[in-house]
């Protein structure tokens, strides 16, 4: 699932939410008020190797995948605890 960045006009929070592109998110998960979220414009990560960067091509992608897997495992364990 892609990540989308939002800002809330009520609590002024910066929130990153994973959801499908056709889903509409209206309620801020921080302050729980409806109608205050605004989707922010995000930039893409570049995967090319710059002269300053010592990372090999695709390393940024691998780091993102690893972080996403850890986040999903945490969400799964949170859901299991709720049951």
PDB file of N, CA and C in Angstrom:
ATOM      1  N   UNK A   1       0.831  -1.172   0.000  1.00  0.00           N
ATOM      2  CA  UNK A   1       0.000   0.000   0.000  1.00  0.00           C
ATOM      3  C   UNK A   1       0.882   1.243   0.000  1.00  0.00           C
ATOM      4  N   UNK A   2       0.500   2.220  -0.766  1.00  0.00           N
ATOM      5  CA  UNK A   2       1.290   3.450  -0.785  1.00  0.00           C
ATOM      6  C   UNK A   2       1.080   4.275   0.476  1.00  0.00           C
ATOM      7  N   UNK A   3       2.053   5.101   0.762  1.00  0.00           N
ATOM      8  CA  UNK A   3       1.980   6.007   1.899  1.00  0.00           C
ATOM      9  C   UNK A   3       1.574   7.394   1.400  1.00  0.00           C
ATOM     10  N   UNK A   4       0.706   8.028   2.141  1.00  0.00           N
ATOM     11  CA  UNK A   4       0.280   9.378   1.807  1.00  0.00           C
ATOM     12  C   UNK A   4       0.507  10.271   3.013  1.00  0.00           C
ATOM     13  N   UNK A   5       0.991  11.475   2.747  1.00  0.00           N
ATOM     14  CA  UNK A   5       1.233  12.438   3.808  1.00  0.00           C
ATOM     15  C   UNK A   5       0.056  13.408   3.878  1.00  0.00           C
ATOM     16  N   UNK A   6      -0.395  13.658   5.103  1.00  0.00           N
ATOM     17  CA  UNK A   6      -1.498  14.578   5.339  1.00  0.00           C
ATOM     18  C   UNK A   6      -1.095  15.588   6.405  1.00  0.00           C
ATOM     19  N   UNK A   7      -1.760  16.731   6.371  1.00  0.00           N
ATOM     20  CA  UNK A   7      -1.639  17.675   7.470  1.00  0.00           C
ATOM     21  C   UNK A   7      -3.060  17.979   7.943  1.00  0.00           C
ATOM     22  N   UNK A   8      -3.194  18.149   9.252  1.00  0.00           N
ATOM     23  CA  UNK A   8      -4.506  18.414   9.837  1.00  0.00           C
ATOM     24  C   UNK A   8      -4.602  19.888  10.183  1.00  0.00           C
ATOM     25  N   UNK A   9      -5.653  20.535   9.729  1.00  0.00           N
ATOM     26  CA  UNK A   9      -5.831  21.960  10.005  1.00  0.00           C
ATOM     27  C   UNK A   9      -6.306  22.215  11.431  1.00  0.00           C
ATOM     28  N   UNK A  10      -6.820  21.183  12.103  1.00  0.00           N
ATOM     29  CA  UNK A  10      -7.282  21.363  13.478  1.00  0.00           C
ATOM     30  C   UNK A  10      -6.138  21.223  14.482  1.00  0.00           C
ATOM     31  N   UNK A  11      -5.431  20.105  14.431  1.00  0.00           N
ATOM     32  CA  UNK A  11      -4.367  19.860  15.411  1.00  0.00           C
ATOM     33  C   UNK A  11      -2.985  20.205  14.869  1.00  0.00           C
ATOM     34  N   UNK A  12      -2.916  20.606  13.588  1.00  0.00           N
ATOM     35  CA  UNK A  12      -1.673  20.967  12.910  1.00  0.00           C
ATOM     36  C   UNK A  12      -0.665  19.825  12.895  1.00  0.00           C
ATOM     37  N   UNK A  13      -1.161  18.598  12.939  1.00  0.00           N
ATOM     38  CA  UNK A  13      -0.299  17.426  12.913  1.00  0.00           C
ATOM     39  C   UNK A  13       0.094  17.050  11.503  1.00  0.00           C
ATOM     40  N   UNK A  14       1.258  16.443  11.387  1.00  0.00           N
ATOM     41  CA  UNK A  14       1.746  15.876  10.128  1.00  0.00           C
ATOM     42  C   UNK A  14       1.588  14.372  10.250  1.00  0.00           C
ATOM     43  N   UNK A  15       0.810  13.754   9.378  1.00  0.00           N
ATOM     44  CA  UNK A  15       0.457  12.351   9.508  1.00  0.00           C
ATOM     45  C   UNK A  15       0.804  11.612   8.220  1.00  0.00           C
ATOM     46  N   UNK A  16       1.358  10.417   8.355  1.00  0.00           N
ATOM     47  CA  UNK A  16       1.605   9.536   7.206  1.00  0.00           C
ATOM     48  C   UNK A  16       0.675   8.345   7.365  1.00  0.00           C
ATOM     49  N   UNK A  17      -0.150   8.115   6.354  1.00  0.00           N
ATOM     50  CA  UNK A  17      -1.150   7.055   6.404  1.00  0.00           C
ATOM     51  C   UNK A  17      -0.973   6.155   5.189  1.00  0.00           C
ATOM     52  N   UNK A  18      -1.042   4.853   5.410  1.00  0.00           N
ATOM     53  CA  UNK A  18      -1.026   3.890   4.307  1.00  0.00           C
ATOM     54  C   UNK A  18      -2.457   3.523   3.970  1.00  0.00           C
ATOM     55  N   UNK A  19      -2.809   3.677   2.714  1.00  0.00           N
ATOM     56  CA  UNK A  19      -4.140   3.257   2.270  1.00  0.00           C
ATOM     57  C   UNK A  19      -4.148   3.155   0.762  1.00  0.00           C
ATOM     58  N   UNK A  20      -5.197   2.546   0.244  1.00  0.00           N
ATOM     59  CA  UNK A  20      -5.350   2.427  -1.200  1.00  0.00           C
ATOM     60  C   UNK A  20      -5.632   3.798  -1.791  1.00  0.00           C
ATOM     61  N   UNK A  21      -5.266   3.993  -3.042  1.00  0.00           N
ATOM     62  CA  UNK A  21      -5.387   5.308  -3.665  1.00  0.00           C
ATOM     63  C   UNK A  21      -6.835   5.764  -3.811  1.00  0.00           C
ATOM     64  N   UNK A  22      -7.791   4.835  -3.889  1.00  0.00           N
ATOM     65  CA  UNK A  22      -9.185   5.233  -4.056  1.00  0.00           C
ATOM     66  C   UNK A  22      -9.909   5.448  -2.729  1.00  0.00           C
ATOM     67  N   UNK A  23      -9.241   5.175  -1.615  1.00  0.00           N
ATOM     68  CA  UNK A  23      -9.855   5.411  -0.313  1.00  0.00           C
ATOM     69  C   UNK A  23      -9.798   6.901   0.023  1.00  0.00           C
ATOM     70  N   UNK A  24     -10.831   7.389   0.664  1.00  0.00           N
ATOM     71  CA  UNK A  24     -10.872   8.788   1.088  1.00  0.00           C
ATOM     72  C   UNK A  24     -10.769   8.823   2.605  1.00  0.00           C
ATOM     73  N   UNK A  25      -9.773   9.532   3.099  1.00  0.00           N
ATOM     74  CA  UNK A  25      -9.549   9.659   4.532  1.00  0.00           C
ATOM     75  C   UNK A  25     -10.023  11.031   4.967  1.00  0.00           C
ATOM     76  N   UNK A  26     -11.036  11.094   5.826  1.00  0.00           N
ATOM     77  CA  UNK A  26     -11.588  12.368   6.285  1.00  0.00           C
ATOM     78  C   UNK A  26     -11.302  12.654   7.745  1.00  0.00           C
ATOM     79  N   UNK A  27     -11.064  11.608   8.546  1.00  0.00           N
ATOM     80  CA  UNK A  27     -10.919  11.779   9.990  1.00  0.00           C
ATOM     81  C   UNK A  27      -9.443  11.733  10.362  1.00  0.00           C
ATOM     82  N   UNK A  28      -9.000  12.731  11.106  1.00  0.00           N
ATOM     83  CA  UNK A  28      -7.614  12.776  11.567  1.00  0.00           C
ATOM     84  C   UNK A  28      -7.428  11.732  12.663  1.00  0.00           C
ATOM     85  N   UNK A  29      -6.425  10.851  12.532  1.00  0.00           N
ATOM     86  CA  UNK A  29      -6.210   9.839  13.562  1.00  0.00           C
ATOM     87  C   UNK A  29      -5.641  10.415  14.860  1.00  0.00           C
ATOM     88  N   UNK A  30      -5.146  11.637  14.823  1.00  0.00           N
ATOM     89  CA  UNK A  30      -4.582  12.263  16.020  1.00  0.00           C
ATOM     90  C   UNK A  30      -5.668  12.920  16.872  1.00  0.00           C
ATOM     91  N   UNK A  31      -6.442  13.830  16.253  1.00  0.00           N
ATOM     92  CA  UNK A  31      -7.446  14.581  17.033  1.00  0.00           C
ATOM     93  C   UNK A  31      -8.864  14.045  16.846  1.00  0.00           C
ATOM     94  N   UNK A  32      -9.046  13.104  15.904  1.00  0.00           N
ATOM     95  CA  UNK A  32     -10.330  12.449  15.614  1.00  0.00           C
ATOM     96  C   UNK A  32     -11.410  13.403  15.114  1.00  0.00           C
ATOM     97  N   UNK A  33     -11.000  14.550  14.562  1.00  0.00           N
ATOM     98  CA  UNK A  33     -11.965  15.480  13.986  1.00  0.00           C
ATOM     99  C   UNK A  33     -12.085  15.216  12.491  1.00  0.00           C
ATOM    100  N   UNK A  34     -13.295  15.395  11.986  1.00  0.00           N
ATOM    101  CA  UNK A  34     -13.579  15.112  10.590  1.00  0.00           C
ATOM    102  C   UNK A  34     -13.448  16.373   9.745  1.00  0.00           C
ATOM    103  N   UNK A  35     -12.863  16.221   8.561  1.00  0.00           N
ATOM    104  CA  UNK A  35     -12.813  17.305   7.595  1.00  0.00           C
ATOM    105  C   UNK A  35     -11.585  18.192   7.655  1.00  0.00           C
ATOM    106  N   UNK A  36     -10.623  17.891   8.499  1.00  0.00           N
ATOM    107  CA  UNK A  36      -9.462  18.752   8.621  1.00  0.00           C
ATOM    108  C   UNK A  36      -8.225  18.268   7.885  1.00  0.00           C
ATOM    109  N   UNK A  37      -8.269  17.049   7.341  1.00  0.00           N
ATOM    110  CA  UNK A  37      -7.081  16.504   6.685  1.00  0.00           C
ATOM    111  C   UNK A  37      -6.937  17.029   5.265  1.00  0.00           C
ATOM    112  N   UNK A  38      -5.703  17.385   4.929  1.00  0.00           N
ATOM    113  CA  UNK A  38      -5.386  17.810   3.577  1.00  0.00           C
ATOM    114  C   UNK A  38      -4.180  17.010   3.111  1.00  0.00           C
ATOM    115  N   UNK A  39      -4.304  16.376   1.948  1.00  0.00           N
ATOM    116  CA  UNK A  39      -3.206  15.574   1.408  1.00  0.00           C
ATOM    117  C   UNK A  39      -2.093  16.517   0.956  1.00  0.00           C
ATOM    118  N   UNK A  40      -0.875  16.168   1.348  1.00  0.00           N
ATOM    119  CA  UNK A  40       0.278  16.975   0.980  1.00  0.00           C
ATOM    120  C   UNK A  40       0.909  16.417  -0.287  1.00  0.00           C
ATOM    121  N   UNK A  41       1.587  17.262  -0.995  1.00  0.00           N
ATOM    122  CA  UNK A  41       2.321  16.848  -2.172  1.00  0.00           C
ATOM    123  C   UNK A  41       3.622  16.207  -1.735  1.00  0.00           C
ATOM    124  N   UNK A  42       3.895  15.019  -2.194  1.00  0.00           N
ATOM    125  CA  UNK A  42       5.102  14.302  -1.808  1.00  0.00           C
ATOM    126  C   UNK A  42       6.050  14.211  -2.987  1.00  0.00           C
ATOM    127  N   UNK A  43       7.317  14.089  -2.672  1.00  0.00           N
ATOM    128  CA  UNK A  43       8.306  13.897  -3.726  1.00  0.00           C
ATOM    129  C   UNK A  43       8.674  12.425  -3.788  1.00  0.00           C
ATOM    130  N   UNK A  44       9.092  11.967  -4.927  1.00  0.00           N
ATOM    131  CA  UNK A  44       9.516  10.590  -5.098  1.00  0.00           C
ATOM    132  C   UNK A  44      10.958  10.453  -4.651  1.00  0.00           C
ATOM    133  N   UNK A  45      11.283   9.294  -4.104  1.00  0.00           N
ATOM    134  CA  UNK A  45      12.687   8.994  -3.834  1.00  0.00           C
ATOM    135  C   UNK A  45      13.368   8.725  -5.159  1.00  0.00           C
ATOM    136  N   UNK A  46      14.559   9.233  -5.300  1.00  0.00           N
ATOM    137  CA  UNK A  46      15.308   8.932  -6.511  1.00  0.00           C
ATOM    138  C   UNK A  46      16.184   7.727  -6.245  1.00  0.00           C
ATOM    139  N   UNK A  47      16.246   6.850  -7.204  1.00  0.00           N
ATOM    140  CA  UNK A  47      16.964   5.608  -7.024  1.00  0.00           C
ATOM    141  C   UNK A  47      18.298   5.593  -7.773  1.00  0.00           C
ATOM    142  N   UNK A  48      18.631   6.704  -8.423  1.00  0.00           N
ATOM    143  CA  UNK A  48      19.919   6.738  -9.102  1.00  0.00           C
ATOM    144  C   UNK A  48      21.019   7.078  -8.103  1.00  0.00           C
ATOM    145  N   UNK A  49      22.207   6.742  -8.467  1.00  0.00           N
ATOM    146  CA  UNK A  49      23.346   6.976  -7.575  1.00  0.00           C
ATOM    147  C   UNK A  49      23.965   8.322  -7.905  1.00  0.00           C
ATOM    148  N   UNK A  50      23.976   9.211  -6.939  1.00  0.00           N
ATOM    149  CA  UNK A  50      24.602  10.506  -7.154  1.00  0.00           C
ATOM    150  C   UNK A  50      26.087  10.405  -6.835  1.00  0.00           C
ATOM    151  N   UNK A  51      26.833  11.412  -7.191  1.00  0.00           N
ATOM    152  CA  UNK A  51      28.273  11.408  -6.948  1.00  0.00           C
ATOM    153  C   UNK A  51      28.581  11.431  -5.455  1.00  0.00           C
ATOM    154  N   UNK A  52      27.725  12.089  -4.671  1.00  0.00           N
ATOM    155  CA  UNK A  52      27.945  12.196  -3.231  1.00  0.00           C
ATOM    156  C   UNK A  52      27.496  10.945  -2.484  1.00  0.00           C
ATOM    157  N   UNK A  53      26.519  10.250  -3.033  1.00  0.00           N
ATOM    158  CA  UNK A  53      25.951   9.092  -2.360  1.00  0.00           C
ATOM    159  C   UNK A  53      26.827   7.867  -2.554  1.00  0.00           C
ATOM    160  N   UNK A  54      27.014   7.123  -1.488  1.00  0.00           N
ATOM    161  CA  UNK A  54      27.788   5.885  -1.582  1.00  0.00           C
ATOM    162  C   UNK A  54      26.859   4.678  -1.630  1.00  0.00           C
ATOM    163  N   UNK A  55      25.547   4.926  -1.650  1.00  0.00           N
ATOM    164  CA  UNK A  55      24.599   3.822  -1.720  1.00  0.00           C
ATOM    165  C   UNK A  55      24.526   3.297  -3.145  1.00  0.00           C
ATOM    166  N   UNK A  56      24.399   2.000  -3.255  1.00  0.00           N
ATOM    167  CA  UNK A  56      24.250   1.410  -4.573  1.00  0.00           C
ATOM    168  C   UNK A  56      22.810   1.555  -5.045  1.00  0.00           C
ATOM    169  N   UNK A  57      22.596   1.418  -6.321  1.00  0.00           N
ATOM    170  CA  UNK A  57      21.265   1.557  -6.901  1.00  0.00           C
ATOM    171  C   UNK A  57      20.313   0.546  -6.276  1.00  0.00           C
ATOM    172  N   UNK A  58      19.156   0.994  -5.857  1.00  0.00           N
ATOM    173  CA  UNK A  58      18.146   0.120  -5.280  1.00  0.00           C
ATOM    174  C   UNK A  58      18.252  -0.041  -3.781  1.00  0.00           C
ATOM    175  N   UNK A  59      19.307   0.462  -3.164  1.00  0.00           N
ATOM    176  CA  UNK A  59      19.455   0.306  -1.718  1.00  0.00           C
ATOM    177  C   UNK A  59      18.358   1.062  -0.967  1.00  0.00           C
ATOM    178  N   UNK A  60      17.978   2.223  -1.491  1.00  0.00           N
ATOM    179  CA  UNK A  60      16.895   2.979  -0.874  1.00  0.00           C
ATOM    180  C   UNK A  60      15.612   2.175  -0.904  1.00  0.00           C
ATOM    181  N   UNK A  61      15.353   1.475  -2.011  1.00  0.00           N
ATOM    182  CA  UNK A  61      14.164   0.634  -2.137  1.00  0.00           C
ATOM    183  C   UNK A  61      14.201  -0.502  -1.126  1.00  0.00           C
ATOM    184  N   UNK A  62      15.351  -1.126  -0.985  1.00  0.00           N
ATOM    185  CA  UNK A  62      15.486  -2.224  -0.025  1.00  0.00           C
ATOM    186  C   UNK A  62      15.230  -1.746   1.403  1.00  0.00           C
ATOM    187  N   UNK A  63      15.731  -0.565   1.740  1.00  0.00           N
ATOM    188  CA  UNK A  63      15.498  -0.008   3.074  1.00  0.00           C
ATOM    189  C   UNK A  63      14.017   0.264   3.296  1.00  0.00           C
ATOM    190  N   UNK A  64      13.344   0.795   2.268  1.00  0.00           N
ATOM    191  CA  UNK A  64      11.914   1.071   2.365  1.00  0.00           C
ATOM    192  C   UNK A  64      11.132  -0.226   2.559  1.00  0.00           C
ATOM    193  N   UNK A  65      11.468  -1.254   1.807  1.00  0.00           N
ATOM    194  CA  UNK A  65      10.770  -2.540   1.918  1.00  0.00           C
ATOM    195  C   UNK A  65      10.975  -3.127   3.306  1.00  0.00           C
ATOM    196  N   UNK A  66      12.183  -3.055   3.832  1.00  0.00           N
ATOM    197  CA  UNK A  66      12.469  -3.576   5.163  1.00  0.00           C
ATOM    198  C   UNK A  66      11.653  -2.817   6.213  1.00  0.00           C
ATOM    199  N   UNK A  67      11.612  -1.490   6.112  1.00  0.00           N
ATOM    200  CA  UNK A  67      10.842  -0.689   7.061  1.00  0.00           C
ATOM    201  C   UNK A  67       9.349  -0.995   6.949  1.00  0.00           C
ATOM    202  N   UNK A  68       8.857  -1.186   5.729  1.00  0.00           N
ATOM    203  CA  UNK A  68       7.444  -1.492   5.523  1.00  0.00           C
ATOM    204  C   UNK A  68       7.083  -2.848   6.116  1.00  0.00           C
ATOM    205  N   UNK A  69       7.969  -3.830   5.951  1.00  0.00           N
ATOM    206  CA  UNK A  69       7.715  -5.154   6.534  1.00  0.00           C
ATOM    207  C   UNK A  69       7.660  -5.083   8.053  1.00  0.00           C
ATOM    208  N   UNK A  70       8.597  -4.345   8.651  1.00  0.00           N
ATOM    209  CA  UNK A  70       8.598  -4.197  10.104  1.00  0.00           C
ATOM    210  C   UNK A  70       7.324  -3.513  10.590  1.00  0.00           C
ATOM    211  N   UNK A  71       6.885  -2.498   9.854  1.00  0.00           N
ATOM    212  CA  UNK A  71       5.663  -1.795  10.233  1.00  0.00           C
ATOM    213  C   UNK A  71       4.449  -2.716  10.128  1.00  0.00           C
ATOM    214  N   UNK A  72       4.384  -3.526   9.068  1.00  0.00           N
ATOM    215  CA  UNK A  72       3.269  -4.457   8.912  1.00  0.00           C
ATOM    216  C   UNK A  72       3.263  -5.519  10.002  1.00  0.00           C
ATOM    217  N   UNK A  73       4.444  -6.004  10.384  1.00  0.00           N
ATOM    218  CA  UNK A  73       4.526  -6.981  11.465  1.00  0.00           C
ATOM    219  C   UNK A  73       4.044  -6.371  12.774  1.00  0.00           C
ATOM    220  N   UNK A  74       4.389  -5.104  13.021  1.00  0.00           N
ATOM    221  CA  UNK A  74       3.945  -4.425  14.230  1.00  0.00           C
ATOM    222  C   UNK A  74       2.426  -4.267  14.223  1.00  0.00           C
ATOM    223  N   UNK A  75       1.870  -3.877  13.078  1.00  0.00           N
ATOM    224  CA  UNK A  75       0.421  -3.729  12.970  1.00  0.00           C
ATOM    225  C   UNK A  75      -0.275  -5.068  13.191  1.00  0.00           C
ATOM    226  N   UNK A  76       0.285  -6.132  12.655  1.00  0.00           N
ATOM    227  CA  UNK A  76      -0.295  -7.463  12.826  1.00  0.00           C
ATOM    228  C   UNK A  76      -0.283  -7.872  14.299  1.00  0.00           C
ATOM    229  N   UNK A  77       0.836  -7.635  14.980  1.00  0.00           N
ATOM    230  CA  UNK A  77       0.897  -7.995  16.397  1.00  0.00           C
ATOM    231  C   UNK A  77      -0.050  -7.130  17.227  1.00  0.00           C
ATOM    232  N   UNK A  78      -0.227  -5.869  16.851  1.00  0.00           N
ATOM    233  CA  UNK A  78      -1.191  -5.005  17.542  1.00  0.00           C
ATOM    234  C   UNK A  78      -2.616  -5.530  17.379  1.00  0.00           C
ATOM    235  N   UNK A  79      -2.937  -5.986  16.153  1.00  0.00           N
ATOM    236  CA  UNK A  79      -4.277  -6.539  15.914  1.00  0.00           C
ATOM    237  C   UNK A  79      -4.485  -7.827  16.688  1.00  0.00           C
ATOM    238  N   UNK A  80      -3.457  -8.661  16.745  1.00  0.00           N
ATOM    239  CA  UNK A  80      -3.565  -9.920  17.499  1.00  0.00           C
ATOM    240  C   UNK A  80      -3.782  -9.643  18.978  1.00  0.00           C
ATOM    241  N   UNK A  81      -3.148  -8.608  19.507  1.00  0.00           N
ATOM    242  CA  UNK A  81      -3.323  -8.248  20.916  1.00  0.00           C
ATOM    243  C   UNK A  81      -4.730  -7.748  21.207  1.00  0.00           C
ATOM    244  N   UNK A  82      -5.336  -7.054  20.240  1.00  0.00           N
ATOM    245  CA  UNK A  82      -6.687  -6.524  20.411  1.00  0.00           C
ATOM    246  C   UNK A  82      -7.709  -7.640  20.459  1.00  0.00           C
ATOM    247  N   UNK A  83      -7.436  -8.749  19.814  1.00  0.00           N
ATOM    248  CA  UNK A  83      -8.391  -9.868  19.771  1.00  0.00           C
ATOM    249  C   UNK A  83      -8.266 -10.602  21.041  1.00  0.00           C
TER     250      UNK A  83
END
